[in-house]
C-alpha atoms as a PDB file:
ATOM      1  CA  LYS A   1      -0.042   0.286   0.067  1.00  0.00           C
ATOM      2  CA  LEU A   2       1.397   3.618  -0.946  1.00  0.00           C
ATOM      3  CA  SER A   3       1.257   6.452   1.201  1.00  0.00           C
ATOM      4  CA  ILE A   4       0.592   9.925  -0.041  1.00  0.00           C
ATOM      5  CA  ARG A   5       3.477  11.250   0.354  1.00  0.00           C
ATOM      6  CA  ASP A   6       4.536   7.688  -1.871  1.00  0.00           C
ATOM      7  CA  THR A   7       2.197   8.568  -4.685  1.00  0.00           C
ATOM      8  CA  GLN A   8       3.506  12.373  -4.690  1.00  0.00           C
ATOM      9  CA  GLY A   9       7.135  10.671  -5.144  1.00  0.00           C
ATOM     10  CA  LEU A  10       6.179   8.649  -8.149  1.00  0.00           C
ATOM     11  CA  ILE A  11       4.041  11.425  -9.976  1.00  0.00           C
ATOM     12  CA  ARG A  12       7.512  13.856  -9.308  1.00  0.00           C
ATOM     13  CA  LEU A  13       9.612  10.868 -10.590  1.00  0.00           C
ATOM     14  CA  SER A  14       6.851  10.545 -13.808  1.00  0.00           C
ATOM     15  CA  ARG A  15       7.863  13.891 -14.990  1.00  0.00           C
ATOM     16  CA  ASP A  16      11.663  13.316 -14.312  1.00  0.00           C
ATOM     17  CA  PRO A  17      13.011  10.874 -16.865  1.00  0.00           C
ATOM     18  CA  VAL A  18      16.505  10.152 -15.707  1.00  0.00           C
ATOM     19  CA  ALA A  19      15.060   9.653 -12.386  1.00  0.00           C
ATOM     20  CA  PHE A  20      12.462   7.650 -13.679  1.00  0.00           C
ATOM     21  CA  CYS A  21      15.349   5.401 -15.270  1.00  0.00           C
ATOM     22  CA  GLN A  22      17.394   5.435 -11.989  1.00  0.00           C
ATOM     23  CA  HIS A  23      15.030   4.950  -9.693  1.00  0.00           C
ATOM     24  CA  ILE A  24      11.868   2.741 -11.246  1.00  0.00           C
ATOM     25  CA  LEU A  25      13.962   1.177 -13.858  1.00  0.00           C
ATOM     26  CA  ARG A  26      17.402   0.868 -12.070  1.00  0.00           C
ATOM     27  CA  LEU A  27      18.919   2.177 -15.158  1.00  0.00           C
ATOM     28  CA  PRO A  28      21.815   4.551 -14.008  1.00  0.00           C
ATOM     29  CA  LEU A  29      22.117   6.873 -16.625  1.00  0.00           C
ATOM     30  CA  LEU A  30      25.846   8.251 -18.566  1.00  0.00           C
ATOM     31  CA  PRO A  31      26.256  11.868 -18.552  1.00  0.00           C
ATOM     32  CA  PHE A  32      25.165  11.696 -22.414  1.00  0.00           C
ATOM     33  CA  GLN A  33      21.986   9.821 -21.894  1.00  0.00           C
ATOM     34  CA  SER A  34      20.755  11.903 -19.223  1.00  0.00           C
ATOM     35  CA  ARG A  35      21.265  14.945 -21.205  1.00  0.00           C
ATOM     36  CA  ALA A  36      19.226  13.636 -24.311  1.00  0.00           C
ATOM     37  CA  ALA A  37      16.489  12.375 -21.490  1.00  0.00           C
ATOM     38  CA  SER A  38      16.327  15.752 -19.624  1.00  0.00           C
ATOM     39  CA  LEU A  39      16.045  17.128 -23.226  1.00  0.00           C
ATOM     40  CA  LEU A  40      13.071  14.823 -23.895  1.00  0.00           C
ATOM     41  CA  ALA A  41      11.330  16.147 -21.535  1.00  0.00           C
ATOM     42  CA  GLN A  42      11.750  20.075 -22.563  1.00  0.00           C
ATOM     43  CA  SER A  43      11.763  19.632 -26.007  1.00  0.00           C
ATOM     44  CA  LYS A  44      10.323  17.757 -29.093  1.00  0.00           C
ATOM     45  CA  ARG A  45      13.257  16.945 -30.904  1.00  0.00           C
ATOM     46  CA  VAL A  46      15.831  14.974 -29.564  1.00  0.00           C
ATOM     47  CA  ALA A  47      19.004  13.423 -31.605  1.00  0.00           C
ATOM     48  CA  VAL A  48      21.587  11.733 -29.976  1.00  0.00           C
ATOM     49  CA  THR A  49      24.413  10.388 -31.982  1.00  0.00           C
ATOM     50  CA  THR A  50      27.546   8.717 -30.317  1.00  0.00           C
ATOM     51  CA  ALA A  51      29.564   5.669 -31.168  1.00  0.00           C
ATOM     52  CA  PRO A  52      28.282   1.833 -31.146  1.00  0.00           C
ATOM     53  CA  GLY A  53      27.768   0.321 -27.950  1.00  0.00           C
ATOM     54  CA  THR A  54      27.728   2.971 -25.661  1.00  0.00           C
ATOM     55  CA  GLY A  55      24.203   2.440 -24.249  1.00  0.00           C
ATOM     56  CA  LYS A  56      21.932   4.754 -27.033  1.00  0.00           C
ATOM     57  CA  THR A  57      19.272   1.450 -27.139  1.00  0.00           C
ATOM     58  CA  ALA A  58      19.139   0.915 -23.283  1.00  0.00           C
ATOM     59  CA  MET A  59      18.562   4.384 -22.749  1.00  0.00           C
ATOM     60  CA  ALA A  60      15.812   4.564 -25.260  1.00  0.00           C
ATOM     61  CA  ALA A  61      14.471   1.643 -23.765  1.00  0.00           C
ATOM     62  CA  GLY A  62      14.138   3.792 -20.692  1.00  0.00           C
ATOM     63  CA  ILE A  63      12.772   6.818 -22.062  1.00  0.00           C
ATOM     64  CA  VAL A  64      10.064   4.720 -23.890  1.00  0.00           C
ATOM     65  CA  LEU A  65       8.949   3.424 -20.227  1.00  0.00           C
ATOM     66  CA  TRP A  66       8.929   6.468 -19.303  1.00  0.00           C
ATOM     67  CA  PHE A  67       6.709   8.473 -21.882  1.00  0.00           C
ATOM     68  CA  LEU A  68       4.501   5.531 -21.596  1.00  0.00           C
ATOM     69  CA  VAL A  69       4.014   5.736 -17.628  1.00  0.00           C
ATOM     70  CA  GLY A  70       4.002   9.186 -17.187  1.00  0.00           C
ATOM     71  CA  ASN A  71       1.415  10.056 -20.154  1.00  0.00           C
ATOM     72  CA  PRO A  72      -1.778   8.268 -19.675  1.00  0.00           C
ATOM     73  CA  GLY A  73      -3.650   8.200 -22.802  1.00  0.00           C
ATOM     74  CA  SER A  74      -0.182   8.161 -24.234  1.00  0.00           C
ATOM     75  CA  ARG A  75       1.215   5.843 -27.756  1.00  0.00           C
ATOM     76  CA  VAL A  76       4.843   5.256 -28.482  1.00  0.00           C
ATOM     77  CA  ILE A  77       5.715   4.166 -31.662  1.00  0.00           C
ATOM     78  CA  THR A  78       9.316   2.110 -31.667  1.00  0.00           C
ATOM     79  CA  THR A  79      11.212   1.773 -35.295  1.00  0.00           C
ATOM     80  CA  GLY A  80      14.725   0.493 -36.496  1.00  0.00           C
ATOM     81  CA  PRO A  81      16.739  -0.217 -39.464  1.00  0.00           C
ATOM     82  CA  THR A  82      15.302  -3.384 -39.810  1.00  0.00           C
ATOM     83  CA  TRP A  83      12.422  -5.938 -38.276  1.00  0.00           C
ATOM     84  CA  HIS A  84      15.006  -8.094 -36.880  1.00  0.00           C
ATOM     85  CA  HIS A  85      16.774  -5.060 -35.299  1.00  0.00           C
ATOM     86  CA  VAL A  86      13.031  -4.344 -33.500  1.00  0.00           C
ATOM     87  CA  GLU A  87      12.445  -7.863 -32.311  1.00  0.00           C
ATOM     88  CA  SER A  88      15.085  -8.917 -31.456  1.00  0.00           C
ATOM     89  CA  VAL A  89      17.851  -5.595 -30.269  1.00  0.00           C
ATOM     90  CA  LEU A  90      15.470  -2.740 -28.980  1.00  0.00           C
ATOM     91  CA  TRP A  91      12.006  -4.660 -27.739  1.00  0.00           C
ATOM     92  CA  PRO A  92      14.120  -7.435 -25.659  1.00  0.00           C
ATOM     93  CA  GLU A  93      15.887  -3.773 -23.924  1.00  0.00           C
ATOM     94  CA  ILE A  94      12.417  -2.520 -23.233  1.00  0.00           C
ATOM     95  CA  ALA A  95      11.425  -6.126 -21.912  1.00  0.00           C
ATOM     96  CA  ARG A  96      14.428  -6.382 -19.641  1.00  0.00           C
ATOM     97  CA  ARG A  97      13.725  -2.368 -18.124  1.00  0.00           C
ATOM     98  CA  TYR A  98      10.374  -3.615 -17.693  1.00  0.00           C
ATOM     99  CA  ASN A  99      10.561  -6.451 -16.090  1.00  0.00           C
ATOM    100  CA  GLY A 100      13.528  -5.468 -13.734  1.00  0.00           C
ATOM    101  CA  ALA A 101      11.968  -2.449 -12.423  1.00  0.00           C
ATOM    102  CA  ALA A 102      11.247  -1.402  -9.050  1.00  0.00           C
ATOM    103  CA  PHE A 103       7.691  -2.437  -8.783  1.00  0.00           C
ATOM    104  CA  PRO A 104       4.835  -3.772 -11.678  1.00  0.00           C
ATOM    105  CA  LEU A 105       4.356  -1.449 -14.252  1.00  0.00           C
ATOM    106  CA  GLY A 106       1.236  -2.974 -14.763  1.00  0.00           C
ATOM    107  CA  GLY A 107       0.040  -3.651 -18.584  1.00  0.00           C
ATOM    108  CA  LYS A 108       0.420  -6.650 -20.315  1.00  0.00           C
ATOM    109  CA  LEU A 109       3.883  -7.073 -22.509  1.00  0.00           C
ATOM    110  CA  THR A 110       4.540  -9.050 -25.728  1.00  0.00           C
ATOM    111  CA  SER A 111       7.602  -9.389 -28.234  1.00  0.00           C
ATOM    112  CA  THR A 112       7.114  -6.214 -29.310  1.00  0.00           C
ATOM    113  CA  LYS A 113       4.224  -4.614 -27.779  1.00  0.00           C
ATOM    114  CA  LEU A 114       3.656  -2.882 -24.464  1.00  0.00           C
ATOM    115  CA  ASP A 115      -0.275  -2.405 -23.393  1.00  0.00           C
ATOM    116  CA  LEU A 116      -1.006  -0.093 -20.426  1.00  0.00           C
ATOM    117  CA  GLY A 117      -4.689   0.265 -21.335  1.00  0.00           C
ATOM    118  CA  ASP A 118      -4.805   3.483 -22.045  1.00  0.00           C
ATOM    119  CA  SER A 119      -1.304   3.673 -23.520  1.00  0.00           C
ATOM    120  CA  GLN A 120       0.509   2.077 -25.741  1.00  0.00           C
ATOM    121  CA  ALA A 121       3.892   1.221 -26.937  1.00  0.00           C
ATOM    122  CA  TYR A 122       4.338  -0.513 -30.588  1.00  0.00           C
ATOM    123  CA  GLY A 123       7.804  -1.594 -32.549  1.00  0.00           C
ATOM    124  CA  ILE A 124       6.909  -1.212 -36.147  1.00  0.00           C
ATOM    125  CA  SER A 125       8.859  -2.138 -39.467  1.00  0.00           C
ATOM    126  CA  THR A 126      10.461   0.406 -41.516  1.00  0.00           C
ATOM    127  CA  ASN A 127      10.520  -2.108 -44.829  1.00  0.00           C
ATOM    128  CA  GLU A 128       6.294  -1.093 -44.617  1.00  0.00           C
ATOM    129  CA  PRO A 129       6.075   2.407 -44.555  1.00  0.00           C
ATOM    130  CA  ALA A 130       2.664   2.651 -44.161  1.00  0.00           C
ATOM    131  CA  ALA A 131       2.266   1.150 -41.041  1.00  0.00           C
ATOM    132  CA  PHE A 132       3.637   5.053 -39.699  1.00  0.00           C
ATOM    133  CA  GLY A 133       0.158   6.279 -40.558  1.00  0.00           C
ATOM    134  CA  GLY A 134      -3.362   5.697 -38.425  1.00  0.00           C
ATOM    135  CA  VAL A 135      -1.393   5.784 -35.111  1.00  0.00           C
ATOM    136  CA  HIS A 136      -2.248   9.051 -33.149  1.00  0.00           C
ATOM    137  CA  ALA A 137      -2.161  10.194 -30.014  1.00  0.00           C
ATOM    138  CA  ARG A 138      -2.313  13.163 -27.873  1.00  0.00           C
ATOM    139  CA  ARG A 139       0.825  12.914 -26.668  1.00  0.00           C
ATOM    140  CA  GLN A 140       2.953  10.482 -28.953  1.00  0.00           C
ATOM    141  CA  LEU A 141       6.602   9.853 -29.002  1.00  0.00           C
ATOM    142  CA  ILE A 142       8.291   8.001 -31.886  1.00  0.00           C
ATOM    143  CA  VAL A 143      11.747   6.485 -31.128  1.00  0.00           C
ATOM    144  CA  PHE A 144      14.193   5.687 -33.939  1.00  0.00           C
ATOM    145  CA  ASP A 145      16.893   3.477 -32.423  1.00  0.00           C
ATOM    146  CA  ASP A 146      19.895   2.899 -35.087  1.00  0.00           C
ATOM    147  CA  ALA A 147      18.298   5.723 -36.907  1.00  0.00           C
ATOM    148  CA  HIS A 148      21.400   6.030 -39.393  1.00  0.00           C
ATOM    149  CA  GLY A 149      20.531   2.605 -40.555  1.00  0.00           C
ATOM    150  CA  ILE A 150      16.581   4.085 -41.311  1.00  0.00           C
ATOM    151  CA  PRO A 151      15.494   5.038 -44.585  1.00  0.00           C
ATOM    152  CA  SER A 152      14.876   8.964 -45.147  1.00  0.00           C
ATOM    153  CA  SER A 153      11.794   8.910 -46.668  1.00  0.00           C
ATOM    154  CA  ILE A 154      10.377   6.743 -43.131  1.00  0.00           C
ATOM    155  CA  TYR A 155      11.827  10.330 -41.672  1.00  0.00           C
ATOM    156  CA  ALA A 156       9.862  11.890 -43.520  1.00  0.00           C
ATOM    157  CA  ILE A 157       6.819  10.029 -43.420  1.00  0.00           C
ATOM    158  CA  THR A 158       6.853  10.381 -39.537  1.00  0.00           C
ATOM    159  CA  ARG A 159       7.233  14.077 -39.973  1.00  0.00           C
ATOM    160  CA  ASP A 160       4.597  14.851 -42.226  1.00  0.00           C
ATOM    161  CA  ASN A 161       1.951  12.322 -41.316  1.00  0.00           C
ATOM    162  CA  LEU A 162       2.352  12.009 -37.236  1.00  0.00           C
ATOM    163  CA  MET A 163       4.481  14.842 -36.078  1.00  0.00           C
ATOM    164  CA  SER A 164       1.296  17.264 -35.849  1.00  0.00           C
ATOM    165  CA  GLY A 165       0.414  18.182 -32.757  1.00  0.00           C
ATOM    166  CA  ASP A 166       1.702  19.605 -29.706  1.00  0.00           C
ATOM    167  CA  GLY A 167       2.160  16.208 -27.565  1.00  0.00           C
ATOM    168  CA  CYS A 168       4.511  15.053 -30.554  1.00  0.00           C
ATOM    169  CA  TYR A 169       7.958  13.803 -29.475  1.00  0.00           C
ATOM    170  CA  TRP A 170      10.640  12.332 -31.680  1.00  0.00           C
ATOM    171  CA  LEU A 171      13.767  10.524 -30.399  1.00  0.00           C
ATOM    172  CA  LEU A 172      16.760   9.794 -32.591  1.00  0.00           C
ATOM    173  CA  VAL A 173      19.372   7.723 -31.552  1.00  0.00           C
ATOM    174  CA  GLY A 174      22.082   6.483 -33.554  1.00  0.00           C
ATOM    175  CA  ASN A 175      25.650   6.700 -35.277  1.00  0.00           C
ATOM    176  CA  PRO A 176      26.048   9.942 -37.494  1.00  0.00           C
ATOM    177  CA  LEU A 177      22.684  11.297 -38.564  1.00  0.00           C
ATOM    178  CA  PRO A 178      23.115  13.196 -41.502  1.00  0.00           C
ATOM    179  CA  TRP A 179      19.502  13.576 -42.791  1.00  0.00           C
ATOM    180  CA  ALA A 180      18.076  14.035 -39.487  1.00  0.00           C
ATOM    181  CA  VAL A 181      20.002  16.473 -37.463  1.00  0.00           C
ATOM    182  CA  ARG A 182      19.456  19.537 -39.554  1.00  0.00           C
ATOM    183  CA  ASP A 183      15.577  19.343 -38.545  1.00  0.00           C
ATOM    184  CA  PHE A 184      16.428  19.019 -34.522  1.00  0.00           C
ATOM    185  CA  ARG A 185      16.834  21.627 -32.227  1.00  0.00           C
ATOM    186  CA  GLU A 186      18.498  19.889 -29.427  1.00  0.00           C
ATOM    187  CA  SER A 187      21.599  17.282 -29.938  1.00  0.00           C
ATOM    188  CA  CYS A 188      23.714  15.486 -28.414  1.00  0.00           C
END
């Protein structure tokens, strides 16, 4: 049973992605990861470019869960350069963070979907551009993992079709992202 003080603390954590990752998901963030997560809480478009193996996918998984839990009624769309990447790299990391949380986050997790009732996260493939239409919510986040391998046409489709509202956010992570970074106010 949670006290009112516990509940207030959880509400504060839901607004702070760095604290949420550290205290709820038990995912301590490196300085560049903390900066990116903090920027996303303040800015609509964040691009993170750094070397392979530095924890970008782990950070992205934490941000997916933070956004979903902290924004009732939200949608999170995740993608990568291939379906294999979405299913075998990104979503296992999301599952790892979800299953390792300090307390149950609720909902139902499958291999590429997390349904919290009023909020959902999905993994979709970039080889089916039509999949990027039709998923709309008042608050939504699109996460491009290994974005350097995603065709610029997918980026354009999401920019034109999914990112029109005030509550729409983007997170791109990968190696250098020449086709995308020019549209981002914030990058790490």
